[in-house]
Amino acid sequence: MYASSTKSTGPPGRMKKDESLLGKLGGTLVRKKKAKEVSDLQEEGKNAINAPLLPSSADLLPEELLLDESAEKTMLDPTSRENPKFKELQKVLIDWINNELEEERIIVKDLEEDLYDGQVLQKLFEKLSGRKLNVAEVTQSEIGQKQKLQTVLEAVNDLLRPQGWTIEWGVDLIHCKNLVAIVYLLVALAMHFLAPIRLPEHVSVQVVVVKKREGILQTSHVTKELTTTTEMMMGRFERDAFDTLLDHAPDKLNVVKTSLITFVNKHLNKLNLEVTELESQFADGVYLVLLMGLLEDYFVPLYNFYLTPESFEQKVHNVAFAFELMQDGGLKKPKARPEDVVNLNLKSTLRVLYNLFTNYKSAE
């Protein structure tokens, strides 16, 4: 045991020599490693100076890395995707679509995943326009989906382009789930068809544009404005007889208002109620709800609306509920938005009341 132990120990002098050699080798390796780190750092700095537009591969998706020469691709900047106002805009649009397509039993949860194949866009356009498109109901293949998208977008573009819209969407953009293109399209449809929703104002996003030039990927950032002010958005296609009346014949406005006041009081007087100011007295929705009950000859349960609304939301609820009663009575969805009536927008209130007047002027 002792001899075996002594044999495995080895000469003391040899150990020191080996340790000295390893120490020298280790020091050389450390110096080489540090030299390489310095070289790498210098190269990184050089690249940063000489190619400031060259993004890191981590910032690009695999598709961008395979771009052909002179090709270009856009994608939403990650910081814009998390923008609260952009998220709010998406939620408003999703709620609007689901409300419009409720009878179709279609539920949209994600704009990118649920709209890219054209199925929902087809149903939405048909509902809004009242026009049936000649497309296959179900398309599973990529070719079939793009054909459906082509038909839908051609119909949309034929409708919107004459109104001065810049087309910011296309078949390939929608099908590859480009969220900015999808939102652009939905905002345009909502504005054109005067959707009864409040789009968040001044929503902008940053879009990263990736180009391939001489084998090098270059990036730049472009700001895309998705919404402006409510007045500009909803006023773009809203001009009608009331705009003409207010702009060119204001002297006749009082005649119209007097006729409408006479009409509504004929029915509200049955409840010992009287209107003298159209703008303010219909703004909380209470008179509108009660008026619909009187015109259709039924009692509206008090738990369905706020009899003494205090908040803006409660007033909007009342006006929106009155709009539902109008549709239940066979009237078309009012072009005005509940929020506009609550905000004392005279033209919106006149439109709603005039619609009731034309449909119930003979009612007792």
Protein backbone atom coordinates (compact mmCIF):
# COMPACT_ATOMS: atom_id res chain seq x y z
CA MET A 1 0.00 0.00 0.00
CA TYR A 2 2.78 2.38 0.98
CA ALA A 3 4.86 1.55 -2.13
CA SER A 4 1.89 2.02 -4.41
CA SER A 5 1.15 5.36 -2.86
CA THR A 6 4.75 6.51 -3.24
CA LYS A 7 4.81 5.56 -6.95
CA SER A 8 1.79 7.59 -7.86
CA THR A 9 3.10 10.73 -6.29
CA GLY A 10 5.85 11.55 -8.79
CA PRO A 11 9.05 13.61 -8.36
CA PRO A 12 8.57 17.02 -6.69
CA GLY A 13 10.77 18.73 -9.24
CA ARG A 14 8.68 17.56 -12.19
CA MET A 15 5.49 18.98 -10.64
CA LYS A 16 6.93 22.44 -10.31
CA LYS A 17 8.18 22.34 -13.89
CA ASP A 18 4.75 21.30 -15.17
CA GLU A 19 2.96 23.98 -13.12
CA SER A 20 5.33 26.59 -14.47
CA LEU A 21 4.68 25.48 -18.05
CA LEU A 22 0.89 25.45 -17.61
CA GLY A 23 1.06 28.86 -16.03
CA LYS A 24 2.92 30.22 -19.02
CA LEU A 25 0.49 28.59 -21.44
CA GLY A 26 -2.48 29.91 -19.44
CA GLY A 27 -1.09 33.41 -19.50
CA THR A 28 -0.62 33.19 -23.27
CA LEU A 29 -4.20 32.01 -23.76
CA VAL A 30 -5.59 34.79 -21.60
CA ARG A 31 -3.59 37.40 -23.53
CA LYS A 32 -4.80 35.97 -26.86
CA LYS A 33 -8.41 35.94 -25.62
CA LYS A 34 -8.19 39.55 -24.51
CA ALA A 35 -6.56 40.52 -27.78
CA LYS A 36 -9.41 38.84 -29.70
CA GLU A 37 -12.02 40.61 -27.56
CA VAL A 38 -10.36 43.93 -28.30
CA SER A 39 -10.24 43.07 -32.00
CA ASP A 40 -13.90 42.05 -32.00
CA LEU A 41 -14.86 45.23 -30.19
CA GLN A 42 -12.93 47.34 -32.69
CA GLU A 43 -14.60 45.50 -35.58
CA GLU A 44 -18.01 46.04 -34.02
CA GLY A 45 -17.27 49.73 -33.65
CA LYS A 46 -16.05 49.91 -37.24
CA ASN A 47 -19.24 48.25 -38.48
CA ALA A 48 -21.36 50.59 -36.41
CA ILE A 49 -19.67 53.58 -38.04
CA ASN A 50 -19.52 52.30 -41.61
CA ALA A 51 -22.95 50.64 -41.75
CA PRO A 52 -25.32 52.51 -39.42
CA LEU A 53 -28.35 51.25 -41.30
CA LEU A 54 -27.43 47.58 -41.02
CA PRO A 55 -29.71 46.00 -38.37
CA SER A 56 -28.72 43.11 -36.16
CA SER A 57 -30.01 39.73 -37.27
CA ALA A 58 -31.94 39.46 -34.00
CA ASP A 59 -34.09 42.40 -35.08
CA LEU A 60 -35.09 40.72 -38.33
CA LEU A 61 -37.42 37.88 -39.05
CA PRO A 62 -36.18 34.94 -41.15
CA GLU A 63 -38.12 36.18 -44.15
CA GLU A 64 -36.21 39.47 -44.16
CA LEU A 65 -32.88 37.64 -44.14
CA LEU A 66 -33.84 35.97 -47.43
CA LEU A 67 -34.76 39.12 -49.35
CA ASP A 68 -33.86 39.23 -53.02
CA GLU A 69 -31.70 42.03 -54.33
CA SER A 70 -33.60 45.37 -54.48
CA ALA A 71 -36.50 43.77 -52.61
CA GLU A 72 -38.27 45.62 -49.80
CA LYS A 73 -40.30 44.54 -46.81
CA THR A 74 -42.06 46.44 -44.04
CA MET A 75 -42.84 45.40 -40.51
CA LEU A 76 -44.29 47.02 -37.42
CA ASP A 77 -41.76 48.36 -34.95
CA PRO A 78 -42.04 46.35 -31.68
CA THR A 79 -42.41 49.52 -29.59
CA SER A 80 -45.41 50.63 -31.68
CA ARG A 81 -47.05 47.23 -31.25
CA GLU A 82 -47.13 47.89 -27.51
CA ASN A 83 -48.42 51.46 -27.90
CA PRO A 84 -51.56 51.78 -25.68
CA LYS A 85 -53.42 53.93 -28.24
CA PHE A 86 -52.67 51.45 -31.02
CA LYS A 87 -53.94 48.63 -28.81
CA GLU A 88 -57.06 50.65 -28.04
CA LEU A 89 -57.67 51.22 -31.75
CA GLN A 90 -57.43 47.48 -32.39
CA LYS A 91 -59.90 46.74 -29.59
CA VAL A 92 -62.41 49.29 -30.92
CA LEU A 93 -62.17 47.77 -34.40
CA ILE A 94 -62.52 44.21 -33.07
CA ASP A 95 -65.61 45.13 -31.03
CA TRP A 96 -67.10 46.84 -34.09
CA ILE A 97 -66.53 43.83 -36.33
CA ASN A 98 -68.00 41.45 -33.76
CA ASN A 99 -71.05 43.67 -33.36
CA GLU A 100 -71.58 43.86 -37.13
CA LEU A 101 -71.14 40.10 -37.65
CA GLU A 102 -73.00 38.94 -34.56
CA GLU A 103 -75.73 37.34 -36.67
CA GLU A 104 -73.07 35.43 -38.61
CA ARG A 105 -71.80 34.00 -35.31
CA ILE A 106 -68.34 35.25 -36.17
CA ILE A 107 -66.08 36.24 -33.28
CA VAL A 108 -62.81 38.03 -33.99
CA LYS A 109 -60.16 37.95 -31.28
CA ASP A 110 -57.00 38.90 -33.17
CA LEU A 111 -56.89 41.07 -36.30
CA GLU A 112 -53.77 39.45 -37.73
CA GLU A 113 -54.83 35.86 -37.21
CA ASP A 114 -58.54 36.21 -37.99
CA LEU A 115 -58.60 38.51 -41.04
CA TYR A 116 -55.69 37.40 -43.21
CA ASP A 117 -57.59 34.73 -45.19
CA GLY A 118 -60.37 37.06 -46.41
CA GLN A 119 -63.29 35.22 -44.83
CA VAL A 120 -64.13 37.83 -42.18
CA LEU A 121 -63.38 40.73 -44.53
CA GLN A 122 -65.80 39.26 -47.05
CA LYS A 123 -68.61 38.98 -44.49
CA LEU A 124 -67.90 42.46 -43.10
CA PHE A 125 -67.94 44.12 -46.52
CA GLU A 126 -71.14 42.32 -47.50
CA LYS A 127 -72.84 43.39 -44.27
CA LEU A 128 -71.76 47.02 -44.56
CA SER A 129 -72.41 47.44 -48.28
CA GLY A 130 -75.44 45.18 -48.65
CA ARG A 131 -73.69 43.65 -51.65
CA LYS A 132 -73.08 39.92 -52.15
CA LEU A 133 -69.64 38.97 -53.46
CA ASN A 134 -69.14 36.04 -55.82
CA VAL A 135 -66.57 34.08 -53.83
CA ALA A 136 -66.25 30.61 -52.40
CA GLU A 137 -67.56 30.37 -48.85
CA VAL A 138 -64.70 28.27 -47.49
CA THR A 139 -61.14 28.38 -48.81
CA GLN A 140 -58.39 26.36 -47.17
CA SER A 141 -55.55 26.67 -49.71
CA GLU A 142 -53.30 29.70 -49.92
CA ILE A 143 -54.28 30.21 -53.57
CA GLY A 144 -57.98 30.12 -52.70
CA GLN A 145 -57.51 32.55 -49.82
CA LYS A 146 -55.63 35.02 -52.01
CA GLN A 147 -58.28 34.76 -54.72
CA LYS A 148 -60.96 35.58 -52.17
CA LEU A 149 -58.89 38.49 -50.84
CA GLN A 150 -58.42 39.75 -54.39
CA THR A 151 -62.17 39.83 -54.99
CA VAL A 152 -62.91 41.49 -51.64
CA LEU A 153 -60.21 44.13 -51.97
CA GLU A 154 -61.18 44.96 -55.54
CA ALA A 155 -64.72 45.67 -54.32
CA VAL A 156 -63.38 47.75 -51.41
CA ASN A 157 -61.00 49.72 -53.64
CA ASP A 158 -63.72 50.41 -56.22
CA LEU A 159 -65.76 51.89 -53.38
CA LEU A 160 -63.06 53.89 -51.61
CA ARG A 161 -60.62 55.02 -54.32
CA PRO A 162 -63.12 57.45 -55.95
CA GLN A 163 -63.50 59.07 -52.51
CA GLY A 164 -59.83 60.00 -52.49
CA TRP A 165 -58.46 57.19 -50.36
CA THR A 166 -54.82 56.21 -50.71
CA ILE A 167 -54.79 52.42 -50.84
CA GLU A 168 -52.42 51.31 -48.07
CA TRP A 169 -53.28 47.63 -48.26
CA GLY A 170 -53.03 44.77 -50.76
CA VAL A 171 -53.56 41.04 -51.13
CA ASP A 172 -50.00 40.09 -50.17
CA LEU A 173 -49.89 42.52 -47.24
CA ILE A 174 -53.16 41.28 -45.77
CA HIS A 175 -52.37 37.61 -46.36
CA CYS A 176 -48.95 37.87 -44.71
CA LYS A 177 -50.71 39.33 -41.64
CA ASN A 178 -49.37 42.86 -41.95
CA LEU A 179 -51.16 44.46 -39.00
CA VAL A 180 -50.70 48.05 -40.19
CA ALA A 181 -52.29 47.28 -43.57
CA ILE A 182 -55.19 45.47 -41.89
CA VAL A 183 -55.84 48.38 -39.51
CA TYR A 184 -55.61 50.90 -42.37
CA LEU A 185 -58.27 48.94 -44.26
CA LEU A 186 -60.62 48.64 -41.28
CA VAL A 187 -60.30 52.33 -40.37
CA ALA A 188 -61.15 53.26 -43.97
CA LEU A 189 -64.24 51.02 -43.93
CA ALA A 190 -65.34 52.34 -40.55
CA MET A 191 -65.02 55.94 -41.71
CA HIS A 192 -66.73 55.35 -45.04
CA PHE A 193 -69.71 53.52 -43.55
CA LEU A 194 -69.91 55.92 -40.59
CA ALA A 195 -69.47 53.16 -38.04
CA PRO A 196 -71.12 54.01 -34.70
CA ILE A 197 -67.80 53.84 -32.87
CA ARG A 198 -65.28 56.32 -31.51
CA LEU A 199 -61.89 55.79 -33.09
CA PRO A 200 -58.99 56.93 -30.89
CA GLU A 201 -57.54 60.16 -32.24
CA HIS A 202 -54.00 60.71 -33.55
CA VAL A 203 -52.87 57.08 -33.57
CA SER A 204 -49.51 56.71 -35.31
CA VAL A 205 -47.09 53.79 -35.54
CA GLN A 206 -43.49 53.36 -36.58
CA VAL A 207 -42.89 50.99 -39.47
CA VAL A 208 -39.49 49.48 -40.18
CA VAL A 209 -38.68 49.37 -43.90
CA VAL A 210 -36.06 46.75 -44.79
CA LYS A 211 -34.34 46.96 -48.20
CA LYS A 212 -31.62 44.88 -49.78
CA ARG A 213 -29.04 46.87 -51.75
CA GLU A 214 -25.88 45.25 -53.13
CA GLY A 215 -26.33 42.31 -50.81
CA ILE A 216 -26.64 44.47 -47.68
CA LEU A 217 -29.82 44.85 -45.65
CA GLN A 218 -30.65 48.47 -44.85
CA THR A 219 -33.39 49.70 -42.55
CA SER A 220 -35.26 52.94 -42.09
CA HIS A 221 -38.22 54.02 -39.98
CA VAL A 222 -41.40 55.54 -41.39
CA THR A 223 -44.27 57.02 -39.36
CA LYS A 224 -47.73 55.89 -40.43
CA GLU A 225 -50.71 57.97 -39.30
CA LEU A 226 -53.70 55.66 -38.82
CA THR A 227 -56.24 58.14 -37.41
CA THR A 228 -56.57 61.92 -37.19
CA THR A 229 -59.22 63.91 -35.31
CA THR A 230 -62.75 62.64 -34.87
CA GLU A 231 -64.13 65.64 -36.74
CA MET A 232 -61.90 65.02 -39.75
CA MET A 233 -62.45 61.25 -39.78
CA MET A 234 -66.20 61.22 -39.45
CA GLY A 235 -66.73 64.34 -41.52
CA ARG A 236 -64.98 63.01 -44.60
CA PHE A 237 -68.00 61.21 -46.06
CA GLU A 238 -70.69 62.68 -43.87
CA ARG A 239 -71.87 65.59 -45.97
CA ASP A 240 -75.55 65.43 -46.74
CA ALA A 241 -78.63 67.67 -46.81
CA PHE A 242 -77.98 68.85 -43.25
CA ASP A 243 -74.46 70.00 -44.15
CA THR A 244 -75.86 71.93 -47.08
CA LEU A 245 -78.58 73.36 -44.86
CA LEU A 246 -76.13 74.54 -42.19
CA ASP A 247 -73.56 75.86 -44.67
CA HIS A 248 -75.74 77.53 -47.27
CA ALA A 249 -79.20 78.05 -45.81
CA PRO A 250 -78.86 78.65 -42.07
CA ASP A 251 -81.99 80.77 -42.18
CA LYS A 252 -83.99 77.64 -42.93
CA LEU A 253 -82.48 75.70 -40.04
CA ASN A 254 -84.97 77.11 -37.55
CA VAL A 255 -87.82 75.95 -39.75
CA VAL A 256 -86.50 72.38 -39.68
CA LYS A 257 -85.87 72.50 -35.94
CA THR A 258 -89.36 73.82 -35.29
CA SER A 259 -90.89 71.01 -37.33
CA LEU A 260 -88.91 68.39 -35.44
CA ILE A 261 -89.72 69.91 -32.05
CA THR A 262 -93.41 69.90 -32.92
CA PHE A 263 -93.15 66.24 -33.96
CA VAL A 264 -91.38 65.00 -30.81
CA ASN A 265 -93.56 67.04 -28.44
CA LYS A 266 -96.69 65.60 -30.01
CA HIS A 267 -95.63 62.27 -28.52
CA LEU A 268 -93.61 63.27 -25.45
CA ASN A 269 -96.50 65.40 -24.20
CA LYS A 270 -98.30 62.12 -23.46
CA LEU A 271 -95.80 61.70 -20.61
CA ASN A 272 -96.04 65.38 -19.65
CA LEU A 273 -92.60 66.01 -21.16
CA GLU A 274 -91.66 68.86 -23.49
CA VAL A 275 -88.64 69.68 -25.62
CA THR A 276 -87.47 73.19 -26.38
CA GLU A 277 -83.80 72.58 -27.24
CA LEU A 278 -82.98 69.72 -29.61
CA GLU A 279 -79.23 69.71 -29.01
CA SER A 280 -79.23 69.51 -25.23
CA GLN A 281 -82.42 67.69 -24.29
CA PHE A 282 -81.68 64.58 -26.35
CA ALA A 283 -78.00 64.42 -25.38
CA ASP A 284 -78.46 62.03 -22.45
CA GLY A 285 -80.57 59.59 -24.48
CA VAL A 286 -83.51 59.48 -22.04
CA TYR A 287 -85.96 61.30 -24.29
CA LEU A 288 -84.85 59.22 -27.27
CA VAL A 289 -85.58 55.97 -25.43
CA LEU A 290 -88.96 57.18 -24.19
CA LEU A 291 -89.82 58.56 -27.64
CA MET A 292 -89.15 55.19 -29.26
CA GLY A 293 -91.44 53.49 -26.75
CA LEU A 294 -94.19 55.97 -27.52
CA LEU A 295 -93.76 55.67 -31.30
CA GLU A 296 -93.79 51.86 -31.19
CA ASP A 297 -96.47 51.78 -28.46
CA TYR A 298 -94.66 49.82 -25.74
CA PHE A 299 -93.26 50.45 -22.29
CA VAL A 300 -89.49 50.43 -22.01
CA PRO A 301 -88.43 48.76 -18.72
CA LEU A 302 -86.48 51.21 -16.58
CA TYR A 303 -83.73 48.70 -15.91
CA ASN A 304 -82.73 48.82 -19.60
CA PHE A 305 -81.44 52.40 -19.43
CA TYR A 306 -80.36 55.12 -17.03
CA LEU A 307 -83.29 57.38 -16.17
CA THR A 308 -80.94 59.95 -14.61
CA PRO A 309 -77.56 59.35 -16.28
CA GLU A 310 -74.60 61.08 -14.71
CA SER A 311 -71.51 59.94 -16.61
CA PHE A 312 -70.62 60.21 -20.28
CA GLU A 313 -70.65 56.40 -20.53
CA GLN A 314 -74.18 56.17 -19.12
CA LYS A 315 -75.43 58.74 -21.62
CA VAL A 316 -73.77 56.90 -24.50
CA HIS A 317 -75.40 53.68 -23.26
CA ASN A 318 -78.83 55.35 -23.40
CA VAL A 319 -78.37 56.72 -26.91
CA ALA A 320 -76.96 53.42 -28.17
CA PHE A 321 -79.92 51.60 -26.61
CA ALA A 322 -82.30 53.99 -28.37
CA PHE A 323 -80.52 53.20 -31.65
CA GLU A 324 -81.10 49.48 -30.98
CA LEU A 325 -84.80 50.15 -30.46
CA MET A 326 -84.88 52.02 -33.78
CA GLN A 327 -83.37 49.04 -35.58
CA ASP A 328 -85.81 46.70 -33.83
CA GLY A 329 -88.55 48.91 -35.25
CA GLY A 330 -87.28 48.32 -38.79
CA LEU A 331 -85.25 51.51 -39.22
CA LYS A 332 -81.74 51.48 -40.61
CA LYS A 333 -78.86 51.94 -38.19
CA PRO A 334 -78.49 55.71 -37.63
CA LYS A 335 -75.54 57.26 -39.43
CA ALA A 336 -74.79 59.33 -36.35
CA ARG A 337 -72.76 57.91 -33.51
CA PRO A 338 -74.09 57.84 -29.94
CA GLU A 339 -71.00 59.77 -28.79
CA ASP A 340 -71.78 62.61 -31.21
CA VAL A 341 -75.32 62.99 -29.90
CA VAL A 342 -74.01 63.03 -26.32
CA ASN A 343 -71.41 65.64 -27.31
CA LEU A 344 -74.23 67.98 -28.45
CA ASN A 345 -73.44 67.65 -32.15
CA LEU A 346 -76.43 69.33 -33.75
CA LYS A 347 -76.15 67.65 -37.16
CA SER A 348 -76.01 64.21 -35.59
CA THR A 349 -79.07 64.90 -33.45
CA LEU A 350 -80.95 66.33 -36.43
CA ARG A 351 -80.17 63.25 -38.51
CA VAL A 352 -81.53 60.91 -35.83
CA LEU A 353 -84.70 62.91 -35.25
CA TYR A 354 -85.32 63.49 -38.93
CA ASN A 355 -85.07 59.76 -39.53
CA LEU A 356 -87.77 59.24 -36.87
CA PHE A 357 -89.86 62.04 -38.37
CA THR A 358 -89.85 60.51 -41.87
CA ASN A 359 -90.83 57.10 -40.54
CA TYR A 360 -93.36 58.06 -37.87
CA LYS A 361 -94.79 61.40 -38.97
CA SER A 362 -98.21 59.82 -39.38
CA ALA A 363 -98.12 58.06 -36.02
CA GLU A 364 -100.71 59.16 -33.49
